[in-house]
Amino acid sequence: MSAAYPWLVADVGGTNARFGTVAGPGEPVHDVRVLPVAAHAGPAAAVKAYLAGQEPGRPAPQSAAFALATALDGDLIELTNGAWSFSRSGTQAELGLRTLLCLNDFEAQALSLPKLRPEQLRPWDAPPPAAGEVATGTVMAVIGPGTGLGVGGIVRAPGRWIALPGEGGHATLAPADDFESAVLSQARREFPHVSAERFLSGIGLPVLCRSVAAVLGEGEDVSALPAEQIVARGMAGESPACVRTLDLFCALLGGFAGNVALTLGSRGGVFIGGGIVPRLGERFFRSEFRRRFEAKGRFQSYLAGIPTVLITDTLAALSGAAMALEQADA
């Protein structure tokens, strides 16, 4: 039997928690609300706030799936870039749920890929195959620069989709030229290990911008700029360091995405999620992203055949959380 309805689905990052409801079999996620993580003591408190905003008399959720921006191991769950620390079993009991699934946020993002519609996507080049056209054994990957940097994959198996969760955002970032080497060397003065997330995320953009400004050596003070202002100043051309930061962000993201594609063998496509890249608009599609994605020497032709696709819908992971419940036994 499938998990009992109604379902509560959540996508919890370091900054925001997105909630939605699935009323019954085949129904879409609806009644979506976004709540700030810092404003609530934990997921139970946030769920209660979400439910309090619904119409009176609506049936309480019976099953839930939480997509969480952290690695999962055991009953105690702690967000990597957020303040929540909670017990899985205690939260299930407090909310009176028959079923509570907890999965990595990019496991849910990966599970959303087969459900994505064309209007939720913008391909860089050729569109990816439709879900029904994906052959058994085909792998797709998803990368998401948000508060942190998520990485996941999914493979088509007979009768189901299997997610491949991981913590690829914490893999060591590799430079591709002398300028990038100098920027990474500058960042190592702050951090002994410069992971991809140290640059390619909301928490990483200020680190990248400070390092770029130091290497440029033009005396521009960007030390107090948060990620939102770095993006805004770079897009407006108001700051040489911010402009160069956005260019380097796109190039480094392309190189990293190519590494993920090679590692997973994701011939079905690499999808870019998260909240940062959609803000870049046309600048992203004019950037070095795709060239750097393919720039892998002898495997350039292998990567040239892999679609790269921007997910424009920042709520897509909620459908992946619903897919996890759909495929789970009660």
C-alpha atoms as a PDB file:
ATOM      1  CA  MET A   1       0.000   0.000   0.000  1.00  0.00           C
ATOM      2  CA  SER A   2       1.088   3.564  -0.629  1.00  0.00           C
ATOM      3  CA  ALA A   3       1.498   6.141   2.124  1.00  0.00           C
ATOM      4  CA  ALA A   4      -1.812   7.422   3.482  1.00  0.00           C
ATOM      5  CA  TYR A   5      -3.180  10.758   2.204  1.00  0.00           C
ATOM      6  CA  PRO A   6      -3.110  13.719   2.578  1.00  0.00           C
ATOM      7  CA  TRP A   7       0.628  14.105   2.104  1.00  0.00           C
ATOM      8  CA  LEU A   8       2.762  16.942   3.410  1.00  0.00           C
ATOM      9  CA  VAL A   9       5.902  17.603   1.393  1.00  0.00           C
ATOM     10  CA  ALA A  10       8.739  19.941   2.311  1.00  0.00           C
ATOM     11  CA  ASP A  11      11.975  21.210   0.803  1.00  0.00           C
ATOM     12  CA  VAL A  12      14.167  22.592   3.580  1.00  0.00           C
ATOM     13  CA  GLY A  13      17.300  24.562   2.780  1.00  0.00           C
ATOM     14  CA  GLY A  14      19.576  26.637   4.940  1.00  0.00           C
ATOM     15  CA  THR A  15      17.453  29.774   4.462  1.00  0.00           C
ATOM     16  CA  ASN A  16      13.911  28.781   3.497  1.00  0.00           C
ATOM     17  CA  ALA A  17      11.549  25.862   4.061  1.00  0.00           C
ATOM     18  CA  ARG A  18       8.994  25.279   1.313  1.00  0.00           C
ATOM     19  CA  PHE A  19       5.845  23.318   2.161  1.00  0.00           C
ATOM     20  CA  GLY A  20       3.056  21.883   0.041  1.00  0.00           C
ATOM     21  CA  THR A  21       0.196  19.396   0.187  1.00  0.00           C
ATOM     22  CA  VAL A  22      -0.826  16.465  -2.018  1.00  0.00           C
ATOM     23  CA  ALA A  23      -4.513  15.735  -1.485  1.00  0.00           C
ATOM     24  CA  GLY A  24      -4.759  12.336  -3.183  1.00  0.00           C
ATOM     25  CA  PRO A  25      -3.382   9.945  -5.836  1.00  0.00           C
ATOM     26  CA  GLY A  26      -2.328  11.705  -9.018  1.00  0.00           C
ATOM     27  CA  GLU A  27      -2.902  15.159  -7.528  1.00  0.00           C
ATOM     28  CA  PRO A  28      -0.275  17.895  -7.952  1.00  0.00           C
ATOM     29  CA  VAL A  29       1.433  19.643  -5.077  1.00  0.00           C
ATOM     30  CA  HIS A  30      -0.712  22.613  -4.057  1.00  0.00           C
ATOM     31  CA  ASP A  31      -1.079  25.204  -1.283  1.00  0.00           C
ATOM     32  CA  VAL A  32       2.656  25.939  -1.408  1.00  0.00           C
ATOM     33  CA  ARG A  33       4.099  28.323   1.176  1.00  0.00           C
ATOM     34  CA  VAL A  34       7.663  29.419   1.903  1.00  0.00           C
ATOM     35  CA  LEU A  35       8.695  29.969   5.536  1.00  0.00           C
ATOM     36  CA  PRO A  36      12.071  31.241   6.830  1.00  0.00           C
ATOM     37  CA  VAL A  37      14.046  28.539   8.628  1.00  0.00           C
ATOM     38  CA  ALA A  38      15.453  30.977  11.190  1.00  0.00           C
ATOM     39  CA  ALA A  39      11.951  32.028  12.290  1.00  0.00           C
ATOM     40  CA  HIS A  40      11.052  28.545  13.573  1.00  0.00           C
ATOM     41  CA  ALA A  41      12.626  26.314  16.217  1.00  0.00           C
ATOM     42  CA  GLY A  42      12.479  23.210  14.028  1.00  0.00           C
ATOM     43  CA  PRO A  43      10.446  21.410  11.379  1.00  0.00           C
ATOM     44  CA  ALA A  44       7.559  20.584  13.717  1.00  0.00           C
ATOM     45  CA  ALA A  45       7.098  24.263  14.574  1.00  0.00           C
ATOM     46  CA  ALA A  46       7.334  25.247  10.907  1.00  0.00           C
ATOM     47  CA  VAL A  47       4.801  22.573   9.885  1.00  0.00           C
ATOM     48  CA  LYS A  48       2.372  23.795  12.551  1.00  0.00           C
ATOM     49  CA  ALA A  49       2.746  27.353  11.252  1.00  0.00           C
ATOM     50  CA  TYR A  50       2.127  26.119   7.706  1.00  0.00           C
ATOM     51  CA  LEU A  51      -0.967  24.130   8.713  1.00  0.00           C
ATOM     52  CA  ALA A  52      -2.326  27.059  10.750  1.00  0.00           C
ATOM     53  CA  GLY A  53      -2.480  29.052   7.525  1.00  0.00           C
ATOM     54  CA  GLN A  54      -4.712  26.525   5.764  1.00  0.00           C
ATOM     55  CA  GLU A  55      -8.493  26.596   5.553  1.00  0.00           C
ATOM     56  CA  PRO A  56     -10.275  25.403   8.716  1.00  0.00           C
ATOM     57  CA  GLY A  57     -11.555  21.845   8.540  1.00  0.00           C
ATOM     58  CA  ARG A  58      -8.926  20.556   6.123  1.00  0.00           C
ATOM     59  CA  PRO A  59      -7.830  17.015   7.108  1.00  0.00           C
ATOM     60  CA  ALA A  60      -4.487  16.747   8.873  1.00  0.00           C
ATOM     61  CA  PRO A  61      -1.599  15.221   6.914  1.00  0.00           C
ATOM     62  CA  GLN A  62      -1.106  11.481   7.395  1.00  0.00           C
ATOM     63  CA  SER A  63       2.228  11.113   5.606  1.00  0.00           C
ATOM     64  CA  ALA A  64       5.130  13.468   5.003  1.00  0.00           C
ATOM     65  CA  ALA A  65       8.419  13.647   3.132  1.00  0.00           C
ATOM     66  CA  PHE A  66      11.045  16.185   4.178  1.00  0.00           C
ATOM     67  CA  ALA A  67      13.825  17.010   1.719  1.00  0.00           C
ATOM     68  CA  LEU A  68      16.639  18.371   3.886  1.00  0.00           C
ATOM     69  CA  ALA A  69      19.856  20.189   3.029  1.00  0.00           C
ATOM     70  CA  THR A  70      22.158  17.867   4.952  1.00  0.00           C
ATOM     71  CA  ALA A  71      23.607  14.385   5.016  1.00  0.00           C
ATOM     72  CA  LEU A  72      21.328  11.911   6.789  1.00  0.00           C
ATOM     73  CA  ASP A  73      22.521   9.227   9.178  1.00  0.00           C
ATOM     74  CA  GLY A  74      20.378   7.983  12.059  1.00  0.00           C
ATOM     75  CA  ASP A  75      17.593   9.635  14.017  1.00  0.00           C
ATOM     76  CA  LEU A  76      19.291  12.968  14.785  1.00  0.00           C
ATOM     77  CA  ILE A  77      19.215  15.387  11.850  1.00  0.00           C
ATOM     78  CA  GLU A  78      21.176  18.654  11.712  1.00  0.00           C
ATOM     79  CA  LEU A  79      21.038  21.063   8.785  1.00  0.00           C
ATOM     80  CA  THR A  80      24.456  21.769   7.272  1.00  0.00           C
ATOM     81  CA  ASN A  81      23.847  25.496   6.744  1.00  0.00           C
ATOM     82  CA  GLY A  82      20.867  26.079   9.043  1.00  0.00           C
ATOM     83  CA  ALA A  83      20.023  26.087  12.734  1.00  0.00           C
ATOM     84  CA  TRP A  84      17.636  23.143  12.909  1.00  0.00           C
ATOM     85  CA  SER A  85      18.627  20.049  14.890  1.00  0.00           C
ATOM     86  CA  PHE A  86      15.860  17.529  15.518  1.00  0.00           C
ATOM     87  CA  SER A  87      14.851  13.923  16.034  1.00  0.00           C
ATOM     88  CA  ARG A  88      13.192  12.218  13.100  1.00  0.00           C
ATOM     89  CA  SER A  89      11.094   9.917  15.309  1.00  0.00           C
ATOM     90  CA  GLY A  90      10.253  12.716  17.747  1.00  0.00           C
ATOM     91  CA  THR A  91       9.063  14.968  14.915  1.00  0.00           C
ATOM     92  CA  GLN A  92       6.903  12.190  13.486  1.00  0.00           C
ATOM     93  CA  ALA A  93       5.293  11.620  16.882  1.00  0.00           C
ATOM     94  CA  GLU A  94       4.764  15.334  17.546  1.00  0.00           C
ATOM     95  CA  LEU A  95       3.014  15.809  14.199  1.00  0.00           C
ATOM     96  CA  GLY A  96       0.970  12.591  14.478  1.00  0.00           C
ATOM     97  CA  LEU A  97       2.184  11.224  11.140  1.00  0.00           C
ATOM     98  CA  ARG A  98       1.790   7.594  10.080  1.00  0.00           C
ATOM     99  CA  THR A  99       4.769   7.950   7.729  1.00  0.00           C
ATOM    100  CA  LEU A 100       7.681  10.376   7.729  1.00  0.00           C
ATOM    101  CA  LEU A 101      10.384  10.093   5.092  1.00  0.00           C
ATOM    102  CA  CYS A 102      13.525  12.194   5.458  1.00  0.00           C
ATOM    103  CA  LEU A 103      15.763  12.451   2.421  1.00  0.00           C
ATOM    104  CA  ASN A 104      18.582  14.648   1.231  1.00  0.00           C
ATOM    105  CA  ASP A 105      17.309  17.738  -0.563  1.00  0.00           C
ATOM    106  CA  PHE A 106      19.105  16.810  -3.766  1.00  0.00           C
ATOM    107  CA  GLU A 107      17.779  13.285  -3.592  1.00  0.00           C
ATOM    108  CA  ALA A 108      14.363  14.968  -3.826  1.00  0.00           C
ATOM    109  CA  GLN A 109      15.605  17.375  -6.506  1.00  0.00           C
ATOM    110  CA  ALA A 110      16.816  14.379  -8.512  1.00  0.00           C
ATOM    111  CA  LEU A 111      13.478  12.598  -8.072  1.00  0.00           C
ATOM    112  CA  SER A 112      11.746  15.688  -9.453  1.00  0.00           C
ATOM    113  CA  LEU A 113      13.520  15.431 -12.811  1.00  0.00           C
ATOM    114  CA  PRO A 114      11.156  12.878 -14.417  1.00  0.00           C
ATOM    115  CA  LYS A 115       8.160  15.063 -13.475  1.00  0.00           C
ATOM    116  CA  LEU A 116       9.494  18.359 -14.834  1.00  0.00           C
ATOM    117  CA  ARG A 117       7.504  19.935 -17.659  1.00  0.00           C
ATOM    118  CA  PRO A 118       8.956  22.005 -20.525  1.00  0.00           C
ATOM    119  CA  GLU A 119       7.677  25.242 -18.987  1.00  0.00           C
ATOM    120  CA  GLN A 120       9.785  24.536 -15.876  1.00  0.00           C
ATOM    121  CA  LEU A 121      12.997  24.210 -17.897  1.00  0.00           C
ATOM    122  CA  ARG A 122      15.294  26.203 -20.132  1.00  0.00           C
ATOM    123  CA  PRO A 123      17.759  24.062 -22.097  1.00  0.00           C
ATOM    124  CA  TRP A 124      21.162  25.459 -22.950  1.00  0.00           C
ATOM    125  CA  ASP A 125      21.083  23.661 -26.260  1.00  0.00           C
ATOM    126  CA  ALA A 126      18.974  20.606 -27.127  1.00  0.00           C
ATOM    127  CA  PRO A 127      16.152  19.749 -24.706  1.00  0.00           C
ATOM    128  CA  PRO A 128      16.513  16.611 -22.572  1.00  0.00           C
ATOM    129  CA  PRO A 129      14.492  13.507 -23.437  1.00  0.00           C
ATOM    130  CA  ALA A 130      10.985  13.252 -22.014  1.00  0.00           C
ATOM    131  CA  ALA A 131      10.647  10.967 -18.994  1.00  0.00           C
ATOM    132  CA  GLY A 132       8.877   8.305 -21.032  1.00  0.00           C
ATOM    133  CA  GLU A 133      11.719   8.275 -23.544  1.00  0.00           C
ATOM    134  CA  VAL A 134      14.487   7.686 -20.991  1.00  0.00           C
ATOM    135  CA  ALA A 135      15.928   4.201 -21.369  1.00  0.00           C
ATOM    136  CA  THR A 136      16.486   1.880 -18.404  1.00  0.00           C
ATOM    137  CA  GLY A 137      19.941   2.481 -16.962  1.00  0.00           C
ATOM    138  CA  THR A 138      20.123   6.110 -18.099  1.00  0.00           C
ATOM    139  CA  VAL A 139      21.476   8.528 -15.498  1.00  0.00           C
ATOM    140  CA  MET A 140      20.584  12.206 -15.053  1.00  0.00           C
ATOM    141  CA  ALA A 141      22.336  14.603 -12.661  1.00  0.00           C
ATOM    142  CA  VAL A 142      21.257  17.785 -10.881  1.00  0.00           C
ATOM    143  CA  ILE A 143      23.421  20.528  -9.368  1.00  0.00           C
ATOM    144  CA  GLY A 144      21.992  23.351  -7.303  1.00  0.00           C
ATOM    145  CA  PRO A 145      23.768  26.511  -6.195  1.00  0.00           C
ATOM    146  CA  GLY A 146      21.493  27.851  -3.440  1.00  0.00           C
ATOM    147  CA  THR A 147      22.441  28.624   0.143  1.00  0.00           C
ATOM    148  CA  GLY A 148      24.841  25.685  -0.279  1.00  0.00           C
ATOM    149  CA  LEU A 149      25.709  23.569  -3.314  1.00  0.00           C
ATOM    150  CA  GLY A 150      23.679  20.407  -3.767  1.00  0.00           C
ATOM    151  CA  VAL A 151      24.469  17.511  -6.087  1.00  0.00           C
ATOM    152  CA  GLY A 152      22.358  14.462  -6.878  1.00  0.00           C
ATOM    153  CA  GLY A 153      21.606  11.919  -9.543  1.00  0.00           C
ATOM    154  CA  ILE A 154      18.828   9.613 -10.674  1.00  0.00           C
ATOM    155  CA  VAL A 155      18.814   6.425 -12.737  1.00  0.00           C
ATOM    156  CA  ARG A 156      15.935   4.821 -14.603  1.00  0.00           C
ATOM    157  CA  ALA A 157      15.290   1.288 -13.296  1.00  0.00           C
ATOM    158  CA  PRO A 158      12.543  -1.117 -14.372  1.00  0.00           C
ATOM    159  CA  GLY A 159       9.266   0.319 -13.069  1.00  0.00           C
ATOM    160  CA  ARG A 160      10.802   3.067 -10.926  1.00  0.00           C
ATOM    161  CA  TRP A 161      13.402   5.792 -10.555  1.00  0.00           C
ATOM    162  CA  ILE A 162      16.299   5.430  -8.107  1.00  0.00           C
ATOM    163  CA  ALA A 163      17.899   8.547  -6.634  1.00  0.00           C
ATOM    164  CA  LEU A 164      21.646   8.766  -6.058  1.00  0.00           C
ATOM    165  CA  PRO A 165      22.162  11.125  -3.106  1.00  0.00           C
ATOM    166  CA  GLY A 166      25.558  12.478  -2.211  1.00  0.00           C
ATOM    167  CA  GLU A 167      27.516  15.461  -0.901  1.00  0.00           C
ATOM    168  CA  GLY A 168      29.322  16.370  -4.110  1.00  0.00           C
ATOM    169  CA  GLY A 169      29.222  20.080  -3.299  1.00  0.00           C
ATOM    170  CA  HIS A 170      31.960  19.463  -0.740  1.00  0.00           C
ATOM    171  CA  ALA A 171      34.353  17.969  -3.298  1.00  0.00           C
ATOM    172  CA  THR A 172      37.555  19.950  -3.844  1.00  0.00           C
ATOM    173  CA  LEU A 173      37.241  22.640  -6.509  1.00  0.00           C
ATOM    174  CA  ALA A 174      39.769  22.584  -9.346  1.00  0.00           C
ATOM    175  CA  PRO A 175      41.095  25.698 -11.145  1.00  0.00           C
ATOM    176  CA  ALA A 176      41.449  25.718 -14.933  1.00  0.00           C
ATOM    177  CA  ASP A 177      43.884  28.604 -15.508  1.00  0.00           C
ATOM    178  CA  ASP A 178      46.376  30.838 -13.716  1.00  0.00           C
ATOM    179  CA  PHE A 179      43.809  33.431 -12.648  1.00  0.00           C
ATOM    180  CA  GLU A 180      41.583  30.767 -11.087  1.00  0.00           C
ATOM    181  CA  SER A 181      44.618  29.249  -9.369  1.00  0.00           C
ATOM    182  CA  ALA A 182      45.421  32.653  -7.862  1.00  0.00           C
ATOM    183  CA  VAL A 183      41.811  33.085  -6.696  1.00  0.00           C
ATOM    184  CA  LEU A 184      41.803  29.641  -5.043  1.00  0.00           C
ATOM    185  CA  SER A 185      45.176  30.369  -3.461  1.00  0.00           C
ATOM    186  CA  GLN A 186      43.731  33.560  -1.985  1.00  0.00           C
ATOM    187  CA  ALA A 187      40.720  31.671  -0.599  1.00  0.00           C
ATOM    188  CA  ARG A 188      43.023  29.143   1.063  1.00  0.00           C
ATOM    189  CA  ARG A 189      44.217  31.933   3.328  1.00  0.00           C
ATOM    190  CA  GLU A 190      40.738  31.750   4.887  1.00  0.00           C
ATOM    191  CA  PHE A 191      39.916  28.071   4.395  1.00  0.00           C
ATOM    192  CA  PRO A 192      42.379  25.161   4.237  1.00  0.00           C
ATOM    193  CA  HIS A 193      39.951  23.254   2.009  1.00  0.00           C
ATOM    194  CA  VAL A 194      38.273  25.127  -0.842  1.00  0.00           C
ATOM    195  CA  SER A 195      35.330  22.966  -1.842  1.00  0.00           C
ATOM    196  CA  ALA A 196      33.023  23.739  -4.745  1.00  0.00           C
ATOM    197  CA  GLU A 197      30.485  25.047  -2.224  1.00  0.00           C
ATOM    198  CA  ARG A 198      33.028  27.588  -0.918  1.00  0.00           C
ATOM    199  CA  PHE A 199      32.593  29.487  -4.200  1.00  0.00           C
ATOM    200  CA  LEU A 200      29.483  28.148  -5.956  1.00  0.00           C
ATOM    201  CA  SER A 201      26.708  28.962  -3.470  1.00  0.00           C
ATOM    202  CA  GLY A 202      25.034  31.763  -1.576  1.00  0.00           C
ATOM    203  CA  ILE A 203      27.458  31.340   1.320  1.00  0.00           C
ATOM    204  CA  GLY A 204      30.310  30.992  -1.166  1.00  0.00           C
ATOM    205  CA  LEU A 205      29.781  34.030  -3.417  1.00  0.00           C
ATOM    206  CA  PRO A 206      31.177  36.468  -0.795  1.00  0.00           C
ATOM    207  CA  VAL A 207      34.271  34.260  -0.445  1.00  0.00           C
ATOM    208  CA  LEU A 208      34.701  34.153  -4.213  1.00  0.00           C
ATOM    209  CA  CYS A 209      34.192  37.912  -4.538  1.00  0.00           C
ATOM    210  CA  ARG A 210      36.709  38.746  -1.810  1.00  0.00           C
ATOM    211  CA  SER A 211      39.243  36.445  -3.413  1.00  0.00           C
ATOM    212  CA  VAL A 212      38.643  37.905  -6.889  1.00  0.00           C
ATOM    213  CA  ALA A 213      38.995  41.462  -5.566  1.00  0.00           C
ATOM    214  CA  ALA A 214      42.269  40.587  -3.839  1.00  0.00           C
ATOM    215  CA  VAL A 215      43.724  39.049  -7.013  1.00  0.00           C
ATOM    216  CA  LEU A 216      42.570  41.964  -9.184  1.00  0.00           C
ATOM    217  CA  GLY A 217      44.390  44.270  -6.758  1.00  0.00           C
ATOM    218  CA  GLU A 218      42.387  47.387  -7.606  1.00  0.00           C
ATOM    219  CA  GLY A 219      41.617  48.306  -4.012  1.00  0.00           C
ATOM    220  CA  GLU A 220      37.874  47.664  -4.251  1.00  0.00           C
ATOM    221  CA  ASP A 221      36.368  46.859  -0.854  1.00  0.00           C
ATOM    222  CA  VAL A 222      33.801  44.060  -1.224  1.00  0.00           C
ATOM    223  CA  SER A 223      34.349  42.561   2.220  1.00  0.00           C
ATOM    224  CA  ALA A 224      30.861  43.417   3.517  1.00  0.00           C
ATOM    225  CA  LEU A 225      28.832  42.479   0.423  1.00  0.00           C
ATOM    226  CA  PRO A 226      26.317  39.614   0.813  1.00  0.00           C
ATOM    227  CA  ALA A 227      25.534  37.331  -2.120  1.00  0.00           C
ATOM    228  CA  GLU A 228      22.423  39.291  -3.148  1.00  0.00           C
ATOM    229  CA  GLN A 229      24.380  42.539  -3.559  1.00  0.00           C
ATOM    230  CA  ILE A 230      27.218  40.797  -5.384  1.00  0.00           C
ATOM    231  CA  VAL A 231      24.722  39.482  -7.939  1.00  0.00           C
ATOM    232  CA  ALA A 232      22.936  42.848  -8.199  1.00  0.00           C
ATOM    233  CA  ARG A 233      26.152  44.889  -8.614  1.00  0.00           C
ATOM    234  CA  GLY A 234      27.608  42.398 -11.046  1.00  0.00           C
ATOM    235  CA  MET A 235      24.464  42.337 -13.171  1.00  0.00           C
ATOM    236  CA  ALA A 236      24.356  46.158 -13.220  1.00  0.00           C
ATOM    237  CA  GLY A 237      28.072  46.464 -14.051  1.00  0.00           C
ATOM    238  CA  GLU A 238      28.608  48.678 -11.012  1.00  0.00           C
ATOM    239  CA  SER A 239      31.593  46.788  -9.585  1.00  0.00           C
ATOM    240  CA  PRO A 240      34.547  45.310 -11.493  1.00  0.00           C
ATOM    241  CA  ALA A 241      35.068  42.690  -8.776  1.00  0.00           C
ATOM    242  CA  CYS A 242      31.402  41.672  -8.803  1.00  0.00           C
ATOM    243  CA  VAL A 243      31.315  41.512 -12.604  1.00  0.00           C
ATOM    244  CA  ARG A 244      34.387  39.281 -12.664  1.00  0.00           C
ATOM    245  CA  THR A 245      32.922  37.204  -9.811  1.00  0.00           C
ATOM    246  CA  LEU A 246      29.781  36.393 -11.805  1.00  0.00           C
ATOM    247  CA  ASP A 247      31.853  35.502 -14.868  1.00  0.00           C
ATOM    248  CA  LEU A 248      34.077  33.232 -12.792  1.00  0.00           C
ATOM    249  CA  PHE A 249      31.081  31.713 -10.987  1.00  0.00           C
ATOM    250  CA  CYS A 250      29.556  30.595 -14.299  1.00  0.00           C
ATOM    251  CA  ALA A 251      32.855  29.245 -15.622  1.00  0.00           C
ATOM    252  CA  LEU A 252      33.679  27.323 -12.441  1.00  0.00           C
ATOM    253  CA  LEU A 253      30.128  25.966 -12.299  1.00  0.00           C
ATOM    254  CA  GLY A 254      30.513  24.691 -15.861  1.00  0.00           C
ATOM    255  CA  GLY A 255      33.759  22.910 -15.029  1.00  0.00           C
ATOM    256  CA  PHE A 256      32.236  21.408 -11.905  1.00  0.00           C
ATOM    257  CA  ALA A 257      29.102  20.304 -13.781  1.00  0.00           C
ATOM    258  CA  GLY A 258      31.307  18.581 -16.347  1.00  0.00           C
ATOM    259  CA  ASN A 259      33.079  16.728 -13.539  1.00  0.00           C
ATOM    260  CA  VAL A 260      29.725  15.545 -12.169  1.00  0.00           C
ATOM    261  CA  ALA A 261      28.630  14.415 -15.639  1.00  0.00           C
ATOM    262  CA  LEU A 262      31.810  12.376 -16.061  1.00  0.00           C
ATOM    263  CA  THR A 263      31.603  10.914 -12.559  1.00  0.00           C
ATOM    264  CA  LEU A 264      27.976   9.784 -12.837  1.00  0.00           C
ATOM    265  CA  GLY A 265      27.918   9.106 -16.562  1.00  0.00           C
ATOM    266  CA  SER A 266      24.821  11.300 -16.773  1.00  0.00           C
ATOM    267  CA  ARG A 267      24.082  10.889 -20.480  1.00  0.00           C
ATOM    268  CA  GLY A 268      20.444  11.875 -19.838  1.00  0.00           C
ATOM    269  CA  GLY A 269      21.431  15.423 -18.939  1.00  0.00           C
ATOM    270  CA  VAL A 270      22.783  17.695 -16.240  1.00  0.00           C
ATOM    271  CA  PHE A 271      20.155  19.958 -14.689  1.00  0.00           C
ATOM    272  CA  ILE A 272      20.982  23.181 -12.835  1.00  0.00           C
ATOM    273  CA  GLY A 273      18.700  24.002  -9.912  1.00  0.00           C
ATOM    274  CA  GLY A 274      18.974  26.291  -6.907  1.00  0.00           C
ATOM    275  CA  GLY A 275      18.082  29.941  -6.579  1.00  0.00           C
ATOM    276  CA  ILE A 276      21.211  31.712  -7.865  1.00  0.00           C
ATOM    277  CA  VAL A 277      21.479  30.848 -11.557  1.00  0.00           C
ATOM    278  CA  PRO A 278      17.892  31.859 -12.489  1.00  0.00           C
ATOM    279  CA  ARG A 279      18.725  35.380 -11.222  1.00  0.00           C
ATOM    280  CA  LEU A 280      21.494  35.660 -13.800  1.00  0.00           C
ATOM    281  CA  GLY A 281      19.067  35.402 -16.726  1.00  0.00           C
ATOM    282  CA  GLU A 282      20.656  35.827 -20.154  1.00  0.00           C
ATOM    283  CA  ARG A 283      24.052  36.444 -18.599  1.00  0.00           C
ATOM    284  CA  PHE A 284      24.249  32.759 -17.698  1.00  0.00           C
ATOM    285  CA  PHE A 285      23.507  31.694 -21.272  1.00  0.00           C
ATOM    286  CA  ARG A 286      26.170  34.072 -22.606  1.00  0.00           C
ATOM    287  CA  SER A 287      28.745  32.850 -20.088  1.00  0.00           C
ATOM    288  CA  GLU A 288      31.586  30.350 -20.271  1.00  0.00           C
ATOM    289  CA  PHE A 289      29.458  27.694 -18.552  1.00  0.00           C
ATOM    290  CA  ARG A 290      28.894  25.390 -21.519  1.00  0.00           C
ATOM    291  CA  ARG A 291      32.389  25.768 -22.961  1.00  0.00           C
ATOM    292  CA  ARG A 292      33.885  24.860 -19.602  1.00  0.00           C
ATOM    293  CA  PHE A 293      31.401  22.007 -19.197  1.00  0.00           C
ATOM    294  CA  GLU A 294      32.802  20.405 -22.356  1.00  0.00           C
ATOM    295  CA  ALA A 295      36.464  21.355 -21.818  1.00  0.00           C
ATOM    296  CA  LYS A 296      37.628  17.925 -20.641  1.00  0.00           C
ATOM    297  CA  GLY A 297      40.307  17.073 -23.177  1.00  0.00           C
ATOM    298  CA  ARG A 298      39.804  13.659 -24.744  1.00  0.00           C
ATOM    299  CA  PHE A 299      36.233  13.486 -23.406  1.00  0.00           C
ATOM    300  CA  GLN A 300      35.033  16.723 -25.004  1.00  0.00           C
ATOM    301  CA  SER A 301      32.946  14.814 -27.561  1.00  0.00           C
ATOM    302  CA  TYR A 302      31.402  12.674 -24.778  1.00  0.00           C
ATOM    303  CA  LEU A 303      30.267  15.804 -22.934  1.00  0.00           C
ATOM    304  CA  ALA A 304      29.160  17.579 -26.111  1.00  0.00           C
ATOM    305  CA  GLY A 305      26.313  15.061 -26.383  1.00  0.00           C
ATOM    306  CA  ILE A 306      24.997  15.669 -22.843  1.00  0.00           C
ATOM    307  CA  PRO A 307      22.222  18.286 -22.501  1.00  0.00           C
ATOM    308  CA  THR A 308      22.595  20.988 -19.841  1.00  0.00           C
ATOM    309  CA  VAL A 309      19.291  22.416 -18.630  1.00  0.00           C
ATOM    310  CA  LEU A 310      18.344  25.209 -16.224  1.00  0.00           C
ATOM    311  CA  ILE A 311      15.444  24.427 -13.874  1.00  0.00           C
ATOM    312  CA  THR A 312      13.519  27.694 -13.725  1.00  0.00           C
ATOM    313  CA  ASP A 313      10.986  26.480 -11.130  1.00  0.00           C
ATOM    314  CA  THR A 314      12.531  26.834  -7.649  1.00  0.00           C
ATOM    315  CA  LEU A 315       9.728  24.711  -6.126  1.00  0.00           C
ATOM    316  CA  ALA A 316      10.490  21.609  -8.215  1.00  0.00           C
ATOM    317  CA  ALA A 317      11.942  19.591  -5.310  1.00  0.00           C
ATOM    318  CA  LEU A 318       8.486  19.381  -3.733  1.00  0.00           C
ATOM    319  CA  SER A 319       7.360  17.087  -6.539  1.00  0.00           C
ATOM    320  CA  GLY A 320      10.480  15.003  -5.900  1.00  0.00           C
ATOM    321  CA  ALA A 321       9.523  14.634  -2.234  1.00  0.00           C
ATOM    322  CA  ALA A 322       6.075  13.508  -3.419  1.00  0.00           C
ATOM    323  CA  MET A 323       7.749  10.985  -5.743  1.00  0.00           C
ATOM    324  CA  ALA A 324       9.631   9.558  -2.740  1.00  0.00           C
ATOM    325  CA  LEU A 325       6.312   8.921  -0.986  1.00  0.00           C
ATOM    326  CA  GLU A 326       4.768   7.593  -4.177  1.00  0.00           C
ATOM    327  CA  GLN A 327       7.500   4.983  -4.517  1.00  0.00           C
ATOM    328  CA  ALA A 328       7.681   4.088  -0.812  1.00  0.00           C
ATOM    329  CA  ASP A 329       5.796   1.347   0.951  1.00  0.00           C
ATOM    330  CA  ALA A 330       3.679   2.512   3.878  1.00  0.00           C
END
